[in-house]
């Protein structure tokens, strides 16, 4: 059996969010990257990545609309 303690859900969500943001900016440390790849399921990271990319695209669209709006 695995003697590793289970991470509390709130702490796990925070870890996933920080990992996704760090990966998007390309500043993920090797230690954290290895820890992420050793997780049981990649699903939280995939969902987090999709959400982060969606928010980024929405931000770019909003900025574009604001900059090109006729006053």
PDB file of N, CA and C in Angstrom:
ATOM      1  N   UNK A   1       0.833  -1.195   0.000  1.00  0.00           N
ATOM      2  CA  UNK A   1       0.000   0.000   0.000  1.00  0.00           C
ATOM      3  C   UNK A   1       0.871   1.249   0.000  1.00  0.00           C
ATOM      4  N   UNK A   2       0.338   2.295  -0.531  1.00  0.00           N
ATOM      5  CA  UNK A   2       1.040   3.566  -0.593  1.00  0.00           C
ATOM      6  C   UNK A   2       0.887   4.281   0.743  1.00  0.00           C
ATOM      7  N   UNK A   3       1.988   4.671   1.351  1.00  0.00           N
ATOM      8  CA  UNK A   3       1.946   5.313   2.662  1.00  0.00           C
ATOM      9  C   UNK A   3       1.803   6.828   2.549  1.00  0.00           C
ATOM     10  N   UNK A   4       1.673   7.338   1.323  1.00  0.00           N
ATOM     11  CA  UNK A   4       1.563   8.776   1.113  1.00  0.00           C
ATOM     12  C   UNK A   4       0.194   9.262   1.560  1.00  0.00           C
ATOM     13  N   UNK A   5       0.168  10.412   2.293  1.00  0.00           N
ATOM     14  CA  UNK A   5      -1.087  10.967   2.777  1.00  0.00           C
ATOM     15  C   UNK A   5      -1.850  11.587   1.619  1.00  0.00           C
ATOM     16  N   UNK A   6      -3.168  11.555   1.733  1.00  0.00           N
ATOM     17  CA  UNK A   6      -4.015  12.145   0.713  1.00  0.00           C
ATOM     18  C   UNK A   6      -4.065  13.655   0.931  1.00  0.00           C
ATOM     19  N   UNK A   7      -3.960  14.421  -0.167  1.00  0.00           N
ATOM     20  CA  UNK A   7      -3.977  15.870  -0.091  1.00  0.00           C
ATOM     21  C   UNK A   7      -5.413  16.350   0.073  1.00  0.00           C
ATOM     22  N   UNK A   8      -5.649  17.294   1.003  1.00  0.00           N
ATOM     23  CA  UNK A   8      -6.999  17.836   1.160  1.00  0.00           C
ATOM     24  C   UNK A   8      -7.467  18.493  -0.140  1.00  0.00           C
ATOM     25  N   UNK A   9      -8.772  18.405  -0.445  1.00  0.00           N
ATOM     26  CA  UNK A   9      -9.284  18.923  -1.716  1.00  0.00           C
ATOM     27  C   UNK A   9      -8.955  20.400  -1.972  1.00  0.00           C
ATOM     28  N   UNK A  10      -9.069  21.261  -0.964  1.00  0.00           N
ATOM     29  CA  UNK A  10      -8.803  22.685  -1.160  1.00  0.00           C
ATOM     30  C   UNK A  10      -7.324  22.916  -1.492  1.00  0.00           C
ATOM     31  N   UNK A  11      -6.443  22.213  -0.795  1.00  0.00           N
ATOM     32  CA  UNK A  11      -5.014  22.350  -1.064  1.00  0.00           C
ATOM     33  C   UNK A  11      -4.675  21.796  -2.448  1.00  0.00           C
ATOM     34  N   UNK A  12      -5.342  20.713  -2.847  1.00  0.00           N
ATOM     35  CA  UNK A  12      -5.102  20.122  -4.160  1.00  0.00           C
ATOM     36  C   UNK A  12      -5.543  21.085  -5.257  1.00  0.00           C
ATOM     37  N   UNK A  13      -6.682  21.745  -5.089  1.00  0.00           N
ATOM     38  CA  UNK A  13      -7.151  22.716  -6.082  1.00  0.00           C
ATOM     39  C   UNK A  13      -6.172  23.867  -6.213  1.00  0.00           C
ATOM     40  N   UNK A  14      -5.639  24.329  -5.099  1.00  0.00           N
ATOM     41  CA  UNK A  14      -4.658  25.407  -5.129  1.00  0.00           C
ATOM     42  C   UNK A  14      -3.393  24.955  -5.842  1.00  0.00           C
ATOM     43  N   UNK A  15      -2.957  23.741  -5.550  1.00  0.00           N
ATOM     44  CA  UNK A  15      -1.755  23.198  -6.194  1.00  0.00           C
ATOM     45  C   UNK A  15      -1.952  23.078  -7.706  1.00  0.00           C
ATOM     46  N   UNK A  16      -3.114  22.595  -8.115  1.00  0.00           N
ATOM     47  CA  UNK A  16      -3.405  22.454  -9.545  1.00  0.00           C
ATOM     48  C   UNK A  16      -3.407  23.828 -10.209  1.00  0.00           C
ATOM     49  N   UNK A  17      -4.055  24.807  -9.588  1.00  0.00           N
ATOM     50  CA  UNK A  17      -4.115  26.150 -10.163  1.00  0.00           C
ATOM     51  C   UNK A  17      -2.715  26.750 -10.312  1.00  0.00           C
ATOM     52  N   UNK A  18      -1.894  26.623  -9.290  1.00  0.00           N
ATOM     53  CA  UNK A  18      -0.531  27.164  -9.345  1.00  0.00           C
ATOM     54  C   UNK A  18       0.291  26.425 -10.399  1.00  0.00           C
ATOM     55  N   UNK A  19       0.132  25.113 -10.480  1.00  0.00           N
ATOM     56  CA  UNK A  19       0.878  24.332 -11.468  1.00  0.00           C
ATOM     57  C   UNK A  19       0.486  24.705 -12.890  1.00  0.00           C
ATOM     58  N   UNK A  20      -0.814  24.887 -13.126  1.00  0.00           N
ATOM     59  CA  UNK A  20      -1.288  25.246 -14.460  1.00  0.00           C
ATOM     60  C   UNK A  20      -0.763  26.619 -14.865  1.00  0.00           C
ATOM     61  N   UNK A  21      -0.850  27.586 -13.957  1.00  0.00           N
ATOM     62  CA  UNK A  21      -0.371  28.938 -14.256  1.00  0.00           C
ATOM     63  C   UNK A  21       1.135  28.934 -14.507  1.00  0.00           C
ATOM     64  N   UNK A  22       1.882  28.232 -13.667  1.00  0.00           N
ATOM     65  CA  UNK A  22       3.339  28.154 -13.842  1.00  0.00           C
ATOM     66  C   UNK A  22       3.689  27.483 -15.167  1.00  0.00           C
ATOM     67  N   UNK A  23       2.967  26.442 -15.525  1.00  0.00           N
ATOM     68  CA  UNK A  23       3.223  25.752 -16.787  1.00  0.00           C
ATOM     69  C   UNK A  23       2.911  26.655 -17.980  1.00  0.00           C
ATOM     70  N   UNK A  24       1.832  27.434 -17.892  1.00  0.00           N
ATOM     71  CA  UNK A  24       1.478  28.337 -18.990  1.00  0.00           C
ATOM     72  C   UNK A  24       2.556  29.405 -19.208  1.00  0.00           C
ATOM     73  N   UNK A  25       3.156  29.863 -18.124  1.00  0.00           N
ATOM     74  CA  UNK A  25       4.210  30.867 -18.240  1.00  0.00           C
ATOM     75  C   UNK A  25       5.589  30.248 -18.475  1.00  0.00           C
ATOM     76  N   UNK A  26       5.673  28.931 -18.368  1.00  0.00           N
ATOM     77  CA  UNK A  26       6.941  28.245 -18.612  1.00  0.00           C
ATOM     78  C   UNK A  26       7.924  28.340 -17.468  1.00  0.00           C
ATOM     79  N   UNK A  27       7.444  28.519 -16.259  1.00  0.00           N
ATOM     80  CA  UNK A  27       8.333  28.663 -15.108  1.00  0.00           C
ATOM     81  C   UNK A  27       8.138  27.531 -14.084  1.00  0.00           C
ATOM     82  N   UNK A  28       7.566  26.422 -14.517  1.00  0.00           N
ATOM     83  CA  UNK A  28       7.332  25.296 -13.619  1.00  0.00           C
ATOM     84  C   UNK A  28       8.666  24.659 -13.228  1.00  0.00           C
ATOM     85  N   UNK A  29       8.877  24.466 -11.928  1.00  0.00           N
ATOM     86  CA  UNK A  29      10.120  23.836 -11.482  1.00  0.00           C
ATOM     87  C   UNK A  29      10.076  22.343 -11.788  1.00  0.00           C
ATOM     88  N   UNK A  30      11.234  21.761 -11.937  1.00  0.00           N
ATOM     89  CA  UNK A  30      11.328  20.327 -12.251  1.00  0.00           C
ATOM     90  C   UNK A  30      10.714  19.488 -11.128  1.00  0.00           C
ATOM     91  N   UNK A  31      10.929  19.890  -9.884  1.00  0.00           N
ATOM     92  CA  UNK A  31      10.382  19.156  -8.738  1.00  0.00           C
ATOM     93  C   UNK A  31       8.848  19.157  -8.783  1.00  0.00           C
ATOM     94  N   UNK A  32       8.257  20.326  -9.042  1.00  0.00           N
ATOM     95  CA  UNK A  32       6.799  20.413  -9.112  1.00  0.00           C
ATOM     96  C   UNK A  32       6.255  19.667 -10.325  1.00  0.00           C
ATOM     97  N   UNK A  33       6.966  19.726 -11.435  1.00  0.00           N
ATOM     98  CA  UNK A  33       6.533  19.024 -12.640  1.00  0.00           C
ATOM     99  C   UNK A  33       6.513  17.516 -12.386  1.00  0.00           C
ATOM    100  N   UNK A  34       7.545  17.002 -11.744  1.00  0.00           N
ATOM    101  CA  UNK A  34       7.589  15.574 -11.420  1.00  0.00           C
ATOM    102  C   UNK A  34       6.463  15.198 -10.464  1.00  0.00           C
ATOM    103  N   UNK A  35       6.201  16.057  -9.496  1.00  0.00           N
ATOM    104  CA  UNK A  35       5.123  15.811  -8.539  1.00  0.00           C
ATOM    105  C   UNK A  35       3.774  15.769  -9.271  1.00  0.00           C
ATOM    106  N   UNK A  36       3.585  16.677 -10.226  1.00  0.00           N
ATOM    107  CA  UNK A  36       2.339  16.704 -10.992  1.00  0.00           C
ATOM    108  C   UNK A  36       2.172  15.441 -11.822  1.00  0.00           C
ATOM    109  N   UNK A  37       3.250  14.970 -12.452  1.00  0.00           N
ATOM    110  CA  UNK A  37       3.168  13.783 -13.294  1.00  0.00           C
ATOM    111  C   UNK A  37       2.981  12.512 -12.476  1.00  0.00           C
ATOM    112  N   UNK A  38       3.249  12.556 -11.194  1.00  0.00           N
ATOM    113  CA  UNK A  38       3.054  11.389 -10.338  1.00  0.00           C
ATOM    114  C   UNK A  38       1.662  11.327  -9.726  1.00  0.00           C
ATOM    115  N   UNK A  39       0.789  12.260 -10.068  1.00  0.00           N
ATOM    116  CA  UNK A  39      -0.589  12.250  -9.581  1.00  0.00           C
ATOM    117  C   UNK A  39      -1.335  11.086 -10.216  1.00  0.00           C
ATOM    118  N   UNK A  40      -2.369  10.632  -9.550  1.00  0.00           N
ATOM    119  CA  UNK A  40      -3.139   9.494 -10.057  1.00  0.00           C
ATOM    120  C   UNK A  40      -3.883   9.829 -11.337  1.00  0.00           C
ATOM    121  N   UNK A  41      -4.419  11.023 -11.417  1.00  0.00           N
ATOM    122  CA  UNK A  41      -5.240  11.378 -12.566  1.00  0.00           C
ATOM    123  C   UNK A  41      -4.793  12.710 -13.162  1.00  0.00           C
ATOM    124  N   UNK A  42      -4.656  12.783 -14.464  1.00  0.00           N
ATOM    125  CA  UNK A  42      -4.298  14.053 -15.104  1.00  0.00           C
ATOM    126  C   UNK A  42      -5.515  14.964 -15.298  1.00  0.00           C
ATOM    127  N   UNK A  43      -6.713  14.451 -15.020  1.00  0.00           N
ATOM    128  CA  UNK A  43      -7.954  15.185 -15.269  1.00  0.00           C
ATOM    129  C   UNK A  43      -7.970  16.592 -14.660  1.00  0.00           C
ATOM    130  N   UNK A  44      -7.581  16.802 -13.381  1.00  0.00           N
ATOM    131  CA  UNK A  44      -7.628  18.170 -12.835  1.00  0.00           C
ATOM    132  C   UNK A  44      -6.712  19.133 -13.594  1.00  0.00           C
ATOM    133  N   UNK A  45      -5.569  18.644 -14.063  1.00  0.00           N
ATOM    134  CA  UNK A  45      -4.635  19.500 -14.784  1.00  0.00           C
ATOM    135  C   UNK A  45      -5.159  19.826 -16.183  1.00  0.00           C
ATOM    136  N   UNK A  46      -5.806  18.863 -16.818  1.00  0.00           N
ATOM    137  CA  UNK A  46      -6.387  19.092 -18.143  1.00  0.00           C
ATOM    138  C   UNK A  46      -7.522  20.102 -18.045  1.00  0.00           C
ATOM    139  N   UNK A  47      -8.402  19.909 -17.084  1.00  0.00           N
ATOM    140  CA  UNK A  47      -9.525  20.829 -16.900  1.00  0.00           C
ATOM    141  C   UNK A  47      -9.009  22.220 -16.532  1.00  0.00           C
ATOM    142  N   UNK A  48      -8.039  22.284 -15.636  1.00  0.00           N
ATOM    143  CA  UNK A  48      -7.447  23.568 -15.253  1.00  0.00           C
ATOM    144  C   UNK A  48      -6.802  24.277 -16.428  1.00  0.00           C
ATOM    145  N   UNK A  49      -6.118  23.516 -17.276  1.00  0.00           N
ATOM    146  CA  UNK A  49      -5.482  24.094 -18.458  1.00  0.00           C
ATOM    147  C   UNK A  49      -6.500  24.640 -19.436  1.00  0.00           C
ATOM    148  N   UNK A  50      -7.588  23.906 -19.652  1.00  0.00           N
ATOM    149  CA  UNK A  50      -8.640  24.361 -20.559  1.00  0.00           C
ATOM    150  C   UNK A  50      -9.281  25.637 -20.032  1.00  0.00           C
ATOM    151  N   UNK A  51      -9.546  25.683 -18.731  1.00  0.00           N
ATOM    152  CA  UNK A  51     -10.133  26.878 -18.127  1.00  0.00           C
ATOM    153  C   UNK A  51      -9.177  28.063 -18.248  1.00  0.00           C
ATOM    154  N   UNK A  52      -7.900  27.840 -17.956  1.00  0.00           N
ATOM    155  CA  UNK A  52      -6.912  28.926 -18.013  1.00  0.00           C
ATOM    156  C   UNK A  52      -6.771  29.468 -19.434  1.00  0.00           C
ATOM    157  N   UNK A  53      -6.716  28.589 -20.423  1.00  0.00           N
ATOM    158  CA  UNK A  53      -6.614  29.027 -21.825  1.00  0.00           C
ATOM    159  C   UNK A  53      -7.885  29.779 -22.227  1.00  0.00           C
ATOM    160  N   UNK A  54      -9.043  29.291 -21.803  1.00  0.00           N
ATOM    161  CA  UNK A  54     -10.311  29.976 -22.090  1.00  0.00           C
ATOM    162  C   UNK A  54     -10.334  31.382 -21.513  1.00  0.00           C
ATOM    163  N   UNK A  55      -9.869  31.522 -20.266  1.00  0.00           N
ATOM    164  CA  UNK A  55      -9.816  32.854 -19.640  1.00  0.00           C
ATOM    165  C   UNK A  55      -8.825  33.758 -20.358  1.00  0.00           C
ATOM    166  N   UNK A  56      -7.703  33.205 -20.792  1.00  0.00           N
ATOM    167  CA  UNK A  56      -6.699  33.979 -21.512  1.00  0.00           C
ATOM    168  C   UNK A  56      -7.252  34.487 -22.839  1.00  0.00           C
ATOM    169  N   UNK A  57      -7.932  33.614 -23.570  1.00  0.00           N
ATOM    170  CA  UNK A  57      -8.533  34.013 -24.846  1.00  0.00           C
ATOM    171  C   UNK A  57      -9.621  35.073 -24.615  1.00  0.00           C
ATOM    172  N   UNK A  58     -10.440  34.893 -23.591  1.00  0.00           N
ATOM    173  CA  UNK A  58     -11.474  35.885 -23.272  1.00  0.00           C
ATOM    174  C   UNK A  58     -10.841  37.236 -22.932  1.00  0.00           C
ATOM    175  N   UNK A  59      -9.731  37.220 -22.210  1.00  0.00           N
ATOM    176  CA  UNK A  59      -9.019  38.458 -21.888  1.00  0.00           C
ATOM    177  C   UNK A  59      -8.504  39.136 -23.146  1.00  0.00           C
ATOM    178  N   UNK A  60      -7.927  38.368 -24.063  1.00  0.00           N
ATOM    179  CA  UNK A  60      -7.426  38.936 -25.316  1.00  0.00           C
ATOM    180  C   UNK A  60      -8.562  39.522 -26.156  1.00  0.00           C
ATOM    181  N   UNK A  61      -9.682  38.839 -26.217  1.00  0.00           N
ATOM    182  CA  UNK A  61     -10.833  39.349 -26.965  1.00  0.00           C
ATOM    183  C   UNK A  61     -11.342  40.639 -26.345  1.00  0.00           C
ATOM    184  N   UNK A  62     -11.438  40.670 -25.015  1.00  0.00           N
ATOM    185  CA  UNK A  62     -11.897  41.875 -24.317  1.00  0.00           C
ATOM    186  C   UNK A  62     -10.970  43.047 -24.577  1.00  0.00           C
ATOM    187  N   UNK A  63      -9.686  42.821 -24.474  1.00  0.00           N
ATOM    188  CA  UNK A  63      -8.710  43.895 -24.731  1.00  0.00           C
ATOM    189  C   UNK A  63      -8.837  44.384 -26.175  1.00  0.00           C
ATOM    190  N   UNK A  64      -8.971  43.459 -27.110  1.00  0.00           N
ATOM    191  CA  UNK A  64      -9.114  43.832 -28.521  1.00  0.00           C
ATOM    192  C   UNK A  64     -10.360  44.667 -28.751  1.00  0.00           C
ATOM    193  N   UNK A  65     -11.464  44.277 -28.163  1.00  0.00           N
ATOM    194  CA  UNK A  65     -12.708  45.033 -28.310  1.00  0.00           C
ATOM    195  C   UNK A  65     -12.574  46.425 -27.709  1.00  0.00           C
ATOM    196  N   UNK A  66     -11.948  46.521 -26.541  1.00  0.00           N
ATOM    197  CA  UNK A  66     -11.775  47.822 -25.896  1.00  0.00           C
ATOM    198  C   UNK A  66     -10.852  48.742 -26.702  1.00  0.00           C
ATOM    199  N   UNK A  67      -9.804  48.191 -27.259  1.00  0.00           N
ATOM    200  CA  UNK A  67      -8.829  49.000 -27.996  1.00  0.00           C
ATOM    201  C   UNK A  67      -9.403  49.451 -29.340  1.00  0.00           C
ATOM    202  N   UNK A  68     -10.174  48.591 -29.987  1.00  0.00           N
ATOM    203  CA  UNK A  68     -10.682  48.930 -31.312  1.00  0.00           C
ATOM    204  C   UNK A  68     -12.052  49.598 -31.289  1.00  0.00           C
ATOM    205  N   UNK A  69     -12.623  49.788 -30.106  1.00  0.00           N
ATOM    206  CA  UNK A  69     -13.956  50.418 -29.992  1.00  0.00           C
ATOM    207  C   UNK A  69     -13.871  51.872 -30.436  1.00  0.00           C
ATOM    208  N   UNK A  70     -14.886  52.304 -31.168  1.00  0.00           N
ATOM    209  CA  UNK A  70     -14.943  53.684 -31.617  1.00  0.00           C
ATOM    210  C   UNK A  70     -15.626  54.516 -30.545  1.00  0.00           C
ATOM    211  N   UNK A  71     -14.988  55.618 -30.198  1.00  0.00           N
ATOM    212  CA  UNK A  71     -15.539  56.479 -29.136  1.00  0.00           C
ATOM    213  C   UNK A  71     -16.175  57.688 -29.747  1.00  0.00           C
TER     214      UNK A  71
END
